[in-house]
Amino acid sequence: MSGLGSFGPVVFVVSAKELRTFDGFTRSSASRWAKHDVLGSRPLTQYIGQGLDTISFTMRFDAAYGLNPRKEMDVLRNMEREAKAYALTIGGKGFGTGFWIITGLDQAWEKVDSAGNVIAATATVSLEEYVK
């Protein structure tokens, strides 16, 4: 098993028996700025502070790699619906303030067998930094 990382209860694994990892990892940061109108002049710009970072990535679940895609996606969906913040770590290092919420979750069922079992699927996960 690798020490790749985790997002809450979802452990990223790369082993001979299992493959649960991510692809297309992107992180965005932005500052917050306010514009104040001034009569007869250009607006004044004021730095308010740091914004919340966002992260997105795609996870592929495939029965050929020791996973049940439907169960894997159910875990992510339940995490999103619980509206809880979870730690995100990769390579033993946390990101941002340490906690993240799922703000979006898209599922794509790519292969389904004749019995309705999901054989392969992808989930695109969108996270936002959580600050108490």
Protein backbone atom coordinates (compact mmCIF):
# COMPACT_ATOMS: atom_id res chain seq x y z
CA MET A 1 0.00 0.00 0.00
CA SER A 2 1.17 3.53 -0.68
CA GLY A 3 1.10 6.51 1.64
CA LEU A 4 -0.49 8.67 -1.03
CA GLY A 5 -3.01 10.41 1.21
CA SER A 6 -6.67 10.74 2.10
CA PHE A 7 -9.74 12.94 2.09
CA GLY A 8 -11.66 12.19 5.26
CA PRO A 9 -12.61 8.50 5.18
CA VAL A 10 -11.52 8.12 1.53
CA VAL A 11 -7.99 6.74 1.53
CA PHE A 12 -6.05 7.09 -1.71
CA VAL A 13 -4.49 3.70 -2.41
CA VAL A 14 -2.12 2.35 -5.04
CA SER A 15 -1.39 -1.34 -4.51
CA ALA A 16 -1.35 -4.64 -6.37
CA LYS A 17 -4.94 -5.31 -5.20
CA GLU A 18 -6.54 -1.86 -5.22
CA LEU A 19 -6.38 1.43 -7.09
CA ARG A 20 -8.17 4.42 -5.56
CA THR A 21 -6.49 7.64 -6.54
CA PHE A 22 -7.16 10.93 -8.31
CA ASP A 23 -6.30 12.63 -11.57
CA GLY A 24 -6.48 16.18 -12.84
CA PHE A 25 -5.84 17.76 -9.43
CA THR A 26 -6.19 21.56 -9.60
CA ARG A 27 -6.00 24.12 -6.82
CA SER A 28 -7.14 27.74 -7.18
CA SER A 29 -6.46 30.68 -4.89
CA ALA A 30 -7.82 34.22 -5.05
CA SER A 31 -7.61 37.37 -2.96
CA ARG A 32 -10.66 39.40 -1.95
CA TRP A 33 -10.79 43.02 -3.11
CA ALA A 34 -13.42 45.74 -2.65
CA LYS A 35 -14.03 48.67 -4.96
CA HIS A 36 -15.32 51.91 -3.42
CA ASP A 37 -17.04 54.38 -5.68
CA VAL A 38 -15.76 57.95 -5.52
CA LEU A 39 -17.92 60.75 -6.93
CA GLY A 40 -16.26 62.27 -10.00
CA SER A 41 -13.21 60.00 -9.77
CA ARG A 42 -12.12 56.46 -10.43
CA PRO A 43 -13.05 53.84 -7.83
CA LEU A 44 -10.64 53.07 -5.02
CA THR A 45 -9.50 49.48 -4.59
CA GLN A 46 -8.95 48.00 -1.14
CA TYR A 47 -7.47 44.62 -0.23
CA ILE A 48 -9.90 42.80 2.06
CA GLY A 49 -7.95 39.59 2.67
CA GLN A 50 -7.35 36.09 1.45
CA GLY A 51 -10.13 34.20 -0.26
CA LEU A 52 -10.96 30.54 0.17
CA ASP A 53 -8.97 28.11 -1.95
CA THR A 54 -10.76 25.59 -4.13
CA ILE A 55 -9.59 22.18 -5.30
CA SER A 56 -11.00 19.83 -7.89
CA PHE A 57 -9.99 16.37 -9.03
CA THR A 58 -11.42 13.33 -10.76
CA MET A 59 -11.46 9.82 -9.31
CA ARG A 60 -11.92 6.72 -11.47
CA PHE A 61 -13.42 3.60 -9.96
CA ASP A 62 -13.12 0.31 -11.82
CA ALA A 63 -14.10 -3.20 -10.72
CA ALA A 64 -11.00 -4.48 -12.53
CA TYR A 65 -8.90 -2.68 -9.88
CA GLY A 66 -10.58 -4.20 -6.84
CA LEU A 67 -13.27 -1.57 -6.27
CA ASN A 68 -17.05 -1.47 -6.29
CA PRO A 69 -17.64 1.80 -8.21
CA ARG A 70 -21.17 2.30 -6.94
CA LYS A 71 -20.13 1.90 -3.28
CA GLU A 72 -17.17 4.24 -3.79
CA MET A 73 -19.40 6.94 -5.27
CA ASP A 74 -21.97 6.42 -2.50
CA VAL A 75 -19.27 7.21 0.07
CA LEU A 76 -18.49 10.50 -1.69
CA ARG A 77 -22.18 11.37 -2.09
CA ASN A 78 -22.82 10.70 1.61
CA MET A 79 -19.85 12.89 2.55
CA GLU A 80 -21.27 15.72 0.42
CA ARG A 81 -24.76 15.35 1.89
CA GLU A 82 -23.51 15.22 5.49
CA ALA A 83 -22.19 18.78 5.01
CA LYS A 84 -19.09 18.10 7.14
CA ALA A 85 -15.55 19.36 6.70
CA TYR A 86 -12.81 16.78 6.18
CA ALA A 87 -9.03 16.85 6.23
CA LEU A 88 -7.23 16.51 2.89
CA THR A 89 -3.68 15.17 2.99
CA ILE A 90 -1.40 14.12 0.18
CA GLY A 91 2.08 12.78 0.81
CA GLY A 92 1.65 13.33 4.53
CA LYS A 93 1.00 17.07 4.13
CA GLY A 94 -2.27 18.88 4.68
CA PHE A 95 -3.65 21.62 2.45
CA GLY A 96 -4.76 25.12 3.42
CA THR A 97 -6.37 25.42 6.84
CA GLY A 98 -6.53 21.64 6.92
CA PHE A 99 -10.26 21.14 6.30
CA TRP A 100 -12.34 21.09 3.13
CA ILE A 101 -16.02 20.79 2.21
CA ILE A 102 -17.45 19.16 -0.89
CA THR A 103 -19.22 21.85 -2.91
CA GLY A 104 -19.85 19.75 -5.99
CA LEU A 105 -19.88 16.11 -7.00
CA ASP A 106 -20.45 14.84 -10.53
CA GLN A 107 -20.77 11.13 -11.30
CA ALA A 108 -20.40 9.43 -14.66
CA TRP A 109 -21.30 5.75 -14.92
CA GLU A 110 -19.12 4.60 -17.80
CA LYS A 111 -19.84 0.84 -17.82
CA VAL A 112 -22.86 -0.99 -16.44
CA ASP A 113 -23.34 -4.75 -16.85
CA SER A 114 -26.56 -6.55 -17.82
CA ALA A 115 -27.52 -6.91 -14.13
CA GLY A 116 -27.24 -3.14 -13.49
CA ASN A 117 -23.91 -3.33 -11.66
CA VAL A 118 -21.62 -0.37 -12.23
CA ILE A 119 -18.34 -1.75 -13.57
CA ALA A 120 -16.50 1.54 -14.20
CA ALA A 121 -17.29 5.12 -13.25
CA THR A 122 -15.71 8.50 -12.58
CA ALA A 123 -16.48 11.13 -9.97
CA THR A 124 -15.40 14.75 -10.23
CA VAL A 125 -15.04 16.26 -6.77
CA SER A 126 -15.04 20.02 -6.08
CA LEU A 127 -13.79 21.19 -2.69
CA GLU A 128 -13.65 24.54 -0.91
CA GLU A 129 -11.43 25.40 2.01
CA TYR A 130 -13.30 25.42 5.32
CA VAL A 131 -12.51 28.06 7.93
CA LYS A 132 -14.28 28.12 11.32
